[in-house]
Amino acid sequence: MTKLEVRLRQEGQYFIPFITAGDPSLEASKKILYLLQEEGAAAIELGVPFSDPMADGPVIQAASERALAHNISLQDVLRLGKELREEGYHTPLILFTYFNPVLHYGLEALVEEAQASGFAGIIVPDLPYEESAPLRAVGKQCDFPVIPLVTPTSKERIESIVSDASGFVYCVSSLGTTGMRQYFADNVEEFLATARAFSPVPTAVGFGVSTGEHVRHFRRHADAVVVGSALVKKIEEAQQALLDPQQIDQALASLRQFVRQLKSE
């Protein structure tokens, strides 16, 4: 059983936030990561800035653009993970990156480096399941979860995607890109029940989850809930304060309050 599986099977470990590394700076990202650990995140998706994030909506695209403006790279994100690991950071970090950087880095080299840097798994949102076998094979060899994304589809396809999953299964709540939503797919609960029934590992649901009400609702249908755009939007709103030594504590306090609202029972 992988570190992620163990973590997500523990009582109360259900909240998985996403942030973009380097937005608005690597130093600020590090402080936010410690804040999320203190607030009981089960795991954290750490996004690698990318110039064409096709699975992401405008909020996370803008975060990538801000980080890229400071030349934040995959290597920087790996170094951040290593630095955190050496400091004793214990919340599982999931590397969230598109396939082009993975291919450029080299599949085996990236998995080995990510694992050595303290990451507990990887998500590659633009890599179709049918084309993911080489990366999954490397992950299996290294006992490093390559976390699959599954969307509302036929039961047969859901079963084929999740049956050999490792870490957890990322269930996409509705079709389209990431972003804050008021409504989800009509059959989302049925879809989540199907994925949960076939999956040997915990299931998490994300894409559009943006309020405490959403989190409470989806907790009844999945083992974990992913919140990305809503948190990234709060970081965007506080970016100037997060870069100002005189204001950063107040900005972090505001982010902490938002996280607590998301997790309110």
C-alpha atoms as a PDB file:
ATOM      1  CA  MET A   1       0.000   0.000   0.000  1.00  0.00           C
ATOM      2  CA  THR A   2       1.454   3.344  -1.048  1.00  0.00           C
ATOM      3  CA  LYS A   3       1.861   6.374   1.195  1.00  0.00           C
ATOM      4  CA  LEU A   4      -1.085   8.063  -0.505  1.00  0.00           C
ATOM      5  CA  GLU A   5      -3.378   5.074  -0.022  1.00  0.00           C
ATOM      6  CA  VAL A   6      -2.478   4.835   3.648  1.00  0.00           C
ATOM      7  CA  ARG A   7      -3.039   8.545   4.149  1.00  0.00           C
ATOM      8  CA  LEU A   8      -6.422   8.698   2.425  1.00  0.00           C
ATOM      9  CA  ARG A   9      -7.726   5.708   4.360  1.00  0.00           C
ATOM     10  CA  GLN A  10      -7.122   7.454   7.677  1.00  0.00           C
ATOM     11  CA  GLU A  11     -10.067   9.023   9.467  1.00  0.00           C
ATOM     12  CA  GLY A  12     -10.504  12.681   8.600  1.00  0.00           C
ATOM     13  CA  GLN A  13      -7.955  12.689   5.773  1.00  0.00           C
ATOM     14  CA  TYR A  14     -10.065  13.854   2.850  1.00  0.00           C
ATOM     15  CA  PHE A  15      -8.964  17.359   1.819  1.00  0.00           C
ATOM     16  CA  ILE A  16      -6.602  17.635  -1.194  1.00  0.00           C
ATOM     17  CA  PRO A  17      -5.784  21.232  -2.197  1.00  0.00           C
ATOM     18  CA  PHE A  18      -4.022  22.246  -5.402  1.00  0.00           C
ATOM     19  CA  ILE A  19      -1.654  25.184  -5.790  1.00  0.00           C
ATOM     20  CA  THR A  20       0.620  26.291  -8.613  1.00  0.00           C
ATOM     21  CA  ALA A  21       4.278  26.270  -7.576  1.00  0.00           C
ATOM     22  CA  GLY A  22       5.873  29.694  -7.814  1.00  0.00           C
ATOM     23  CA  ASP A  23       2.633  31.667  -7.715  1.00  0.00           C
ATOM     24  CA  PRO A  24       3.319  34.365  -6.698  1.00  0.00           C
ATOM     25  CA  SER A  25       6.827  33.143  -5.699  1.00  0.00           C
ATOM     26  CA  LEU A  26       8.497  29.930  -4.586  1.00  0.00           C
ATOM     27  CA  GLU A  27       8.972  31.421  -1.117  1.00  0.00           C
ATOM     28  CA  ALA A  28       5.262  32.193  -0.860  1.00  0.00           C
ATOM     29  CA  SER A  29       4.370  28.732  -2.185  1.00  0.00           C
ATOM     30  CA  LYS A  30       6.476  27.172   0.534  1.00  0.00           C
ATOM     31  CA  LYS A  31       4.692  29.153   3.240  1.00  0.00           C
ATOM     32  CA  ILE A  32       1.316  28.182   1.768  1.00  0.00           C
ATOM     33  CA  LEU A  33       2.338  24.521   1.707  1.00  0.00           C
ATOM     34  CA  TYR A  34       3.195  24.663   5.407  1.00  0.00           C
ATOM     35  CA  LEU A  35      -0.132  26.383   6.087  1.00  0.00           C
ATOM     36  CA  LEU A  36      -1.994  23.615   4.242  1.00  0.00           C
ATOM     37  CA  GLN A  37      -0.117  20.988   6.226  1.00  0.00           C
ATOM     38  CA  GLU A  38      -1.047  22.728   9.474  1.00  0.00           C
ATOM     39  CA  GLU A  39      -4.688  22.757   8.373  1.00  0.00           C
ATOM     40  CA  GLY A  40      -4.716  19.000   7.890  1.00  0.00           C
ATOM     41  CA  ALA A  41      -4.457  18.511   4.135  1.00  0.00           C
ATOM     42  CA  ALA A  42      -4.441  14.806   3.354  1.00  0.00           C
ATOM     43  CA  ALA A  43      -2.195  15.438   0.349  1.00  0.00           C
ATOM     44  CA  ILE A  44      -1.387  18.424  -1.846  1.00  0.00           C
ATOM     45  CA  GLU A  45      -1.232  18.669  -5.624  1.00  0.00           C
ATOM     46  CA  LEU A  46       1.691  20.910  -6.554  1.00  0.00           C
ATOM     47  CA  GLY A  47       1.254  22.194 -10.085  1.00  0.00           C
ATOM     48  CA  VAL A  48       4.193  22.708 -12.415  1.00  0.00           C
ATOM     49  CA  PRO A  49       3.665  25.925 -14.419  1.00  0.00           C
ATOM     50  CA  PHE A  50       3.068  25.157 -18.088  1.00  0.00           C
ATOM     51  CA  SER A  51       2.495  27.413 -21.085  1.00  0.00           C
ATOM     52  CA  ASP A  52      -0.457  25.433 -22.509  1.00  0.00           C
ATOM     53  CA  PRO A  53      -2.366  23.870 -19.594  1.00  0.00           C
ATOM     54  CA  MET A  54      -5.232  22.463 -21.654  1.00  0.00           C
ATOM     55  CA  ALA A  55      -7.053  20.835 -18.731  1.00  0.00           C
ATOM     56  CA  ASP A  56      -7.066  24.024 -16.682  1.00  0.00           C
ATOM     57  CA  GLY A  57      -9.489  26.900 -16.706  1.00  0.00           C
ATOM     58  CA  PRO A  58      -8.586  30.601 -16.705  1.00  0.00           C
ATOM     59  CA  VAL A  59      -7.748  30.854 -13.000  1.00  0.00           C
ATOM     60  CA  ILE A  60      -5.048  28.181 -13.020  1.00  0.00           C
ATOM     61  CA  GLN A  61      -3.865  29.256 -16.480  1.00  0.00           C
ATOM     62  CA  ALA A  62      -3.262  32.737 -15.076  1.00  0.00           C
ATOM     63  CA  ALA A  63      -1.386  31.250 -12.116  1.00  0.00           C
ATOM     64  CA  SER A  64       0.871  29.352 -14.521  1.00  0.00           C
ATOM     65  CA  GLU A  65       1.509  32.550 -16.464  1.00  0.00           C
ATOM     66  CA  ARG A  66       2.491  34.414 -13.292  1.00  0.00           C
ATOM     67  CA  ALA A  67       4.878  31.645 -12.255  1.00  0.00           C
ATOM     68  CA  LEU A  68       6.360  31.350 -15.749  1.00  0.00           C
ATOM     69  CA  ALA A  69       7.000  35.095 -15.733  1.00  0.00           C
ATOM     70  CA  HIS A  70       9.451  34.311 -12.919  1.00  0.00           C
ATOM     71  CA  ASN A  71      10.937  31.408 -14.926  1.00  0.00           C
ATOM     72  CA  ILE A  72       9.672  28.703 -12.559  1.00  0.00           C
ATOM     73  CA  SER A  73      10.505  25.318 -14.090  1.00  0.00           C
ATOM     74  CA  LEU A  74       9.947  21.639 -13.388  1.00  0.00           C
ATOM     75  CA  GLN A  75      13.455  21.518 -11.903  1.00  0.00           C
ATOM     76  CA  ASP A  76      12.516  24.328  -9.504  1.00  0.00           C
ATOM     77  CA  VAL A  77       9.444  22.414  -8.356  1.00  0.00           C
ATOM     78  CA  LEU A  78      11.497  19.274  -7.784  1.00  0.00           C
ATOM     79  CA  ARG A  79      14.029  21.287  -5.776  1.00  0.00           C
ATOM     80  CA  LEU A  80      11.218  22.726  -3.682  1.00  0.00           C
ATOM     81  CA  GLY A  81       9.977  19.226  -2.912  1.00  0.00           C
ATOM     82  CA  LYS A  82      13.459  18.115  -1.930  1.00  0.00           C
ATOM     83  CA  GLU A  83      13.949  21.147   0.295  1.00  0.00           C
ATOM     84  CA  LEU A  84      10.659  20.459   2.066  1.00  0.00           C
ATOM     85  CA  ARG A  85      11.499  16.784   2.519  1.00  0.00           C
ATOM     86  CA  GLU A  86      14.854  17.671   4.069  1.00  0.00           C
ATOM     87  CA  GLU A  87      13.045  19.995   6.484  1.00  0.00           C
ATOM     88  CA  GLY A  88      10.782  17.161   7.625  1.00  0.00           C
ATOM     89  CA  TYR A  89       7.651  18.141   5.711  1.00  0.00           C
ATOM     90  CA  HIS A  90       5.322  15.156   5.974  1.00  0.00           C
ATOM     91  CA  THR A  91       2.176  15.855   3.935  1.00  0.00           C
ATOM     92  CA  PRO A  92       2.281  13.808   0.707  1.00  0.00           C
ATOM     93  CA  LEU A  93       3.001  16.007  -2.301  1.00  0.00           C
ATOM     94  CA  ILE A  94       1.672  15.064  -5.731  1.00  0.00           C
ATOM     95  CA  LEU A  95       3.482  16.387  -8.774  1.00  0.00           C
ATOM     96  CA  PHE A  96       0.900  17.770 -11.213  1.00  0.00           C
ATOM     97  CA  THR A  97       2.437  18.316 -14.627  1.00  0.00           C
ATOM     98  CA  TYR A  98       1.624  18.075 -18.306  1.00  0.00           C
ATOM     99  CA  PHE A  99       3.163  15.406 -20.505  1.00  0.00           C
ATOM    100  CA  ASN A 100       5.445  17.603 -22.587  1.00  0.00           C
ATOM    101  CA  PRO A 101       7.762  18.390 -19.623  1.00  0.00           C
ATOM    102  CA  VAL A 102       7.618  14.719 -18.597  1.00  0.00           C
ATOM    103  CA  LEU A 103       8.656  13.580 -22.067  1.00  0.00           C
ATOM    104  CA  HIS A 104      11.411  16.184 -22.248  1.00  0.00           C
ATOM    105  CA  TYR A 105      12.764  15.210 -18.826  1.00  0.00           C
ATOM    106  CA  GLY A 106      12.534  11.473 -19.530  1.00  0.00           C
ATOM    107  CA  LEU A 107       9.968   9.152 -17.948  1.00  0.00           C
ATOM    108  CA  GLU A 108      12.339   7.105 -15.811  1.00  0.00           C
ATOM    109  CA  ALA A 109      14.492  10.091 -14.887  1.00  0.00           C
ATOM    110  CA  LEU A 110      11.490  12.138 -13.772  1.00  0.00           C
ATOM    111  CA  VAL A 111       9.903   9.379 -11.713  1.00  0.00           C
ATOM    112  CA  GLU A 112      13.197   8.638 -10.005  1.00  0.00           C
ATOM    113  CA  GLU A 113      13.928  12.321  -9.368  1.00  0.00           C
ATOM    114  CA  ALA A 114      10.406  13.079  -8.143  1.00  0.00           C
ATOM    115  CA  GLN A 115      10.520  10.158  -5.765  1.00  0.00           C
ATOM    116  CA  ALA A 116      13.962  11.162  -4.494  1.00  0.00           C
ATOM    117  CA  SER A 117      12.648  14.711  -4.010  1.00  0.00           C
ATOM    118  CA  GLY A 118       9.907  13.495  -1.693  1.00  0.00           C
ATOM    119  CA  PHE A 119       6.916  13.426  -4.005  1.00  0.00           C
ATOM    120  CA  ALA A 120       4.363  10.692  -3.357  1.00  0.00           C
ATOM    121  CA  GLY A 121       2.839  10.434  -6.829  1.00  0.00           C
ATOM    122  CA  ILE A 122       2.247  12.177 -10.149  1.00  0.00           C
ATOM    123  CA  ILE A 123      -0.778  13.364 -12.143  1.00  0.00           C
ATOM    124  CA  VAL A 124      -0.447  14.037 -15.878  1.00  0.00           C
ATOM    125  CA  PRO A 125      -3.844  15.417 -16.933  1.00  0.00           C
ATOM    126  CA  ASP A 126      -3.265  15.475 -20.692  1.00  0.00           C
ATOM    127  CA  LEU A 127      -1.993  11.891 -20.937  1.00  0.00           C
ATOM    128  CA  PRO A 128      -4.845   9.618 -22.100  1.00  0.00           C
ATOM    129  CA  TYR A 129      -5.108   6.303 -20.288  1.00  0.00           C
ATOM    130  CA  GLU A 130      -4.514   4.372 -23.506  1.00  0.00           C
ATOM    131  CA  GLU A 131      -1.179   6.167 -23.957  1.00  0.00           C
ATOM    132  CA  SER A 132      -0.074   6.064 -20.325  1.00  0.00           C
ATOM    133  CA  ALA A 133       1.212   2.464 -20.186  1.00  0.00           C
ATOM    134  CA  PRO A 134       4.946   3.387 -20.425  1.00  0.00           C
ATOM    135  CA  LEU A 135       4.688   5.907 -17.576  1.00  0.00           C
ATOM    136  CA  ARG A 136       2.537   3.575 -15.486  1.00  0.00           C
ATOM    137  CA  ALA A 137       5.089   0.800 -16.002  1.00  0.00           C
ATOM    138  CA  VAL A 138       7.894   3.016 -14.724  1.00  0.00           C
ATOM    139  CA  GLY A 139       5.739   4.077 -11.787  1.00  0.00           C
ATOM    140  CA  LYS A 140       4.918   0.477 -10.923  1.00  0.00           C
ATOM    141  CA  GLN A 141       8.576  -0.502 -11.105  1.00  0.00           C
ATOM    142  CA  CYS A 142       9.461   2.305  -8.673  1.00  0.00           C
ATOM    143  CA  ASP A 143       6.335   1.922  -6.505  1.00  0.00           C
ATOM    144  CA  PHE A 144       5.452   5.499  -7.449  1.00  0.00           C
ATOM    145  CA  PRO A 145       1.748   6.110  -8.146  1.00  0.00           C
ATOM    146  CA  VAL A 146       0.760   7.467 -11.537  1.00  0.00           C
ATOM    147  CA  ILE A 147      -2.689   8.670 -10.559  1.00  0.00           C
ATOM    148  CA  PRO A 148      -5.349   8.180 -13.241  1.00  0.00           C
ATOM    149  CA  LEU A 149      -8.046  10.696 -14.096  1.00  0.00           C
ATOM    150  CA  VAL A 150     -11.430   9.260 -14.986  1.00  0.00           C
ATOM    151  CA  THR A 151     -14.423  11.160 -16.358  1.00  0.00           C
ATOM    152  CA  PRO A 152     -18.120  10.219 -16.492  1.00  0.00           C
ATOM    153  CA  THR A 153     -18.230   7.462 -19.090  1.00  0.00           C
ATOM    154  CA  SER A 154     -19.343   3.855 -19.475  1.00  0.00           C
ATOM    155  CA  LYS A 155     -18.988   1.391 -16.612  1.00  0.00           C
ATOM    156  CA  GLU A 156     -16.690  -0.734 -18.752  1.00  0.00           C
ATOM    157  CA  ARG A 157     -14.311   2.129 -19.410  1.00  0.00           C
ATOM    158  CA  ILE A 158     -14.339   3.255 -15.796  1.00  0.00           C
ATOM    159  CA  GLU A 159     -13.457  -0.269 -14.703  1.00  0.00           C
ATOM    160  CA  SER A 160     -10.605  -0.559 -17.209  1.00  0.00           C
ATOM    161  CA  ILE A 161      -9.078   2.742 -16.038  1.00  0.00           C
ATOM    162  CA  VAL A 162      -9.384   2.312 -12.275  1.00  0.00           C
ATOM    163  CA  SER A 163      -8.946  -1.439 -11.779  1.00  0.00           C
ATOM    164  CA  ASP A 164      -5.136  -1.293 -11.508  1.00  0.00           C
ATOM    165  CA  ALA A 165      -4.876   2.224 -10.059  1.00  0.00           C
ATOM    166  CA  SER A 166      -2.273   3.185  -7.498  1.00  0.00           C
ATOM    167  CA  GLY A 167      -2.351   6.005  -4.936  1.00  0.00           C
ATOM    168  CA  PHE A 168      -5.891   7.124  -5.624  1.00  0.00           C
ATOM    169  CA  VAL A 169      -8.290   7.633  -8.512  1.00  0.00           C
ATOM    170  CA  TYR A 170      -8.991  11.239  -9.520  1.00  0.00           C
ATOM    171  CA  CYS A 171     -12.638  11.434 -10.559  1.00  0.00           C
ATOM    172  CA  VAL A 172     -13.439  14.453 -12.731  1.00  0.00           C
ATOM    173  CA  SER A 173     -16.788  15.843 -11.593  1.00  0.00           C
ATOM    174  CA  SER A 174     -17.817  17.174 -14.994  1.00  0.00           C
ATOM    175  CA  LEU A 175     -16.476  17.528 -18.492  1.00  0.00           C
ATOM    176  CA  GLY A 176     -14.413  20.547 -19.471  1.00  0.00           C
ATOM    177  CA  THR A 177     -11.561  22.383 -17.815  1.00  0.00           C
ATOM    178  CA  THR A 178     -10.935  23.108 -14.163  1.00  0.00           C
ATOM    179  CA  GLY A 179     -12.734  26.060 -12.612  1.00  0.00           C
ATOM    180  CA  MET A 180     -15.298  27.078 -10.041  1.00  0.00           C
ATOM    181  CA  ARG A 181     -18.813  25.779 -10.771  1.00  0.00           C
ATOM    182  CA  GLN A 182     -22.286  25.981  -9.317  1.00  0.00           C
ATOM    183  CA  TYR A 183     -23.526  22.831 -11.068  1.00  0.00           C
ATOM    184  CA  PHE A 184     -22.021  19.442 -11.853  1.00  0.00           C
ATOM    185  CA  ALA A 185     -22.840  16.591 -14.200  1.00  0.00           C
ATOM    186  CA  ASP A 186     -26.348  15.241 -13.622  1.00  0.00           C
ATOM    187  CA  ASN A 187     -25.085  11.708 -13.083  1.00  0.00           C
ATOM    188  CA  VAL A 188     -22.040  12.622 -10.987  1.00  0.00           C
ATOM    189  CA  GLU A 189     -23.104  10.663  -7.883  1.00  0.00           C
ATOM    190  CA  GLU A 190     -23.763   7.526  -9.942  1.00  0.00           C
ATOM    191  CA  PHE A 191     -20.407   7.975 -11.671  1.00  0.00           C
ATOM    192  CA  LEU A 192     -18.591   8.347  -8.341  1.00  0.00           C
ATOM    193  CA  ALA A 193     -20.304   5.248  -6.963  1.00  0.00           C
ATOM    194  CA  THR A 194     -19.206   3.243 -10.002  1.00  0.00           C
ATOM    195  CA  ALA A 195     -15.596   4.409  -9.744  1.00  0.00           C
ATOM    196  CA  ARG A 196     -15.545   3.658  -6.025  1.00  0.00           C
ATOM    197  CA  ALA A 197     -16.957   0.183  -6.582  1.00  0.00           C
ATOM    198  CA  PHE A 198     -14.282  -0.756  -9.127  1.00  0.00           C
ATOM    199  CA  SER A 199     -11.313   1.010  -7.552  1.00  0.00           C
ATOM    200  CA  PRO A 200      -8.854  -0.885  -5.323  1.00  0.00           C
ATOM    201  CA  VAL A 201      -7.622   2.461  -3.939  1.00  0.00           C
ATOM    202  CA  PRO A 202      -9.339   5.548  -2.513  1.00  0.00           C
ATOM    203  CA  THR A 203     -11.232   7.851  -4.851  1.00  0.00           C
ATOM    204  CA  ALA A 204     -11.042  11.640  -4.964  1.00  0.00           C
ATOM    205  CA  VAL A 205     -13.316  14.057  -6.802  1.00  0.00           C
ATOM    206  CA  GLY A 206     -12.304  17.412  -8.229  1.00  0.00           C
ATOM    207  CA  PHE A 207     -12.898  20.012 -10.992  1.00  0.00           C
ATOM    208  CA  GLY A 208     -15.242  22.755  -9.887  1.00  0.00           C
ATOM    209  CA  VAL A 209     -15.294  22.091  -6.148  1.00  0.00           C
ATOM    210  CA  SER A 210     -15.123  25.563  -4.642  1.00  0.00           C
ATOM    211  CA  THR A 211     -17.198  25.859  -1.464  1.00  0.00           C
ATOM    212  CA  GLY A 212     -17.567  24.154   1.886  1.00  0.00           C
ATOM    213  CA  GLU A 213     -21.003  22.977   0.759  1.00  0.00           C
ATOM    214  CA  HIS A 214     -19.440  21.269  -2.269  1.00  0.00           C
ATOM    215  CA  VAL A 215     -16.821  19.606  -0.078  1.00  0.00           C
ATOM    216  CA  ARG A 216     -19.416  18.328   2.383  1.00  0.00           C
ATOM    217  CA  HIS A 217     -21.583  16.986  -0.434  1.00  0.00           C
ATOM    218  CA  PHE A 218     -18.823  15.156  -2.276  1.00  0.00           C
ATOM    219  CA  ARG A 219     -17.340  13.682   0.890  1.00  0.00           C
ATOM    220  CA  ARG A 220     -20.397  11.435   0.971  1.00  0.00           C
ATOM    221  CA  HIS A 221     -19.558  10.062  -2.465  1.00  0.00           C
ATOM    222  CA  ALA A 222     -15.740   9.873  -2.524  1.00  0.00           C
ATOM    223  CA  ASP A 223     -12.885   9.324  -0.097  1.00  0.00           C
ATOM    224  CA  ALA A 224     -11.313  12.718  -0.787  1.00  0.00           C
ATOM    225  CA  VAL A 225     -12.160  16.069  -2.357  1.00  0.00           C
ATOM    226  CA  VAL A 226      -9.791  18.200  -4.469  1.00  0.00           C
ATOM    227  CA  VAL A 227     -10.043  22.003  -4.384  1.00  0.00           C
ATOM    228  CA  GLY A 228      -7.920  23.883  -6.909  1.00  0.00           C
ATOM    229  CA  SER A 229      -9.241  26.956  -8.715  1.00  0.00           C
ATOM    230  CA  ALA A 230     -11.031  28.408  -5.687  1.00  0.00           C
ATOM    231  CA  LEU A 231      -7.840  28.321  -3.630  1.00  0.00           C
ATOM    232  CA  VAL A 232      -5.667  29.547  -6.507  1.00  0.00           C
ATOM    233  CA  LYS A 233      -8.091  32.453  -6.964  1.00  0.00           C
ATOM    234  CA  LYS A 234      -7.641  33.429  -3.299  1.00  0.00           C
ATOM    235  CA  ILE A 235      -3.871  33.313  -3.806  1.00  0.00           C
ATOM    236  CA  GLU A 236      -4.228  35.530  -6.893  1.00  0.00           C
ATOM    237  CA  GLU A 237      -6.255  38.066  -4.905  1.00  0.00           C
ATOM    238  CA  ALA A 238      -3.578  38.108  -2.194  1.00  0.00           C
ATOM    239  CA  GLN A 239      -0.532  37.988  -4.469  1.00  0.00           C
ATOM    240  CA  GLN A 240       0.777  41.470  -3.701  1.00  0.00           C
ATOM    241  CA  ALA A 241       0.421  40.946   0.032  1.00  0.00           C
ATOM    242  CA  LEU A 242       2.099  37.526  -0.228  1.00  0.00           C
ATOM    243  CA  LEU A 243       5.124  39.244  -1.782  1.00  0.00           C
ATOM    244  CA  ASP A 244       5.282  41.957   0.885  1.00  0.00           C
ATOM    245  CA  PRO A 245       7.094  41.019   4.141  1.00  0.00           C
ATOM    246  CA  GLN A 246       4.897  43.550   5.969  1.00  0.00           C
ATOM    247  CA  GLN A 247       1.645  42.014   4.752  1.00  0.00           C
ATOM    248  CA  ILE A 248       2.339  38.324   4.224  1.00  0.00           C
ATOM    249  CA  ASP A 249       1.208  37.197   7.676  1.00  0.00           C
ATOM    250  CA  GLN A 250      -2.173  38.851   7.171  1.00  0.00           C
ATOM    251  CA  ALA A 251      -2.481  37.306   3.696  1.00  0.00           C
ATOM    252  CA  LEU A 252      -1.681  33.850   5.049  1.00  0.00           C
ATOM    253  CA  ALA A 253      -4.241  34.314   7.818  1.00  0.00           C
ATOM    254  CA  SER A 254      -6.879  35.079   5.183  1.00  0.00           C
ATOM    255  CA  LEU A 255      -5.944  31.951   3.212  1.00  0.00           C
ATOM    256  CA  ARG A 256      -6.105  29.910   6.408  1.00  0.00           C
ATOM    257  CA  GLN A 257      -9.619  31.190   7.105  1.00  0.00           C
ATOM    258  CA  PHE A 258     -10.715  30.209   3.589  1.00  0.00           C
ATOM    259  CA  VAL A 259      -9.302  26.694   3.978  1.00  0.00           C
ATOM    260  CA  ARG A 260     -11.133  26.317   7.281  1.00  0.00           C
ATOM    261  CA  GLN A 261     -14.364  27.375   5.595  1.00  0.00           C
ATOM    262  CA  LEU A 262     -13.841  24.705   2.945  1.00  0.00           C
ATOM    263  CA  LYS A 263     -13.279  22.073   5.627  1.00  0.00           C
ATOM    264  CA  SER A 264     -16.071  23.191   7.968  1.00  0.00           C
ATOM    265  CA  GLU A 265     -18.240  20.251   8.953  1.00  0.00           C
END
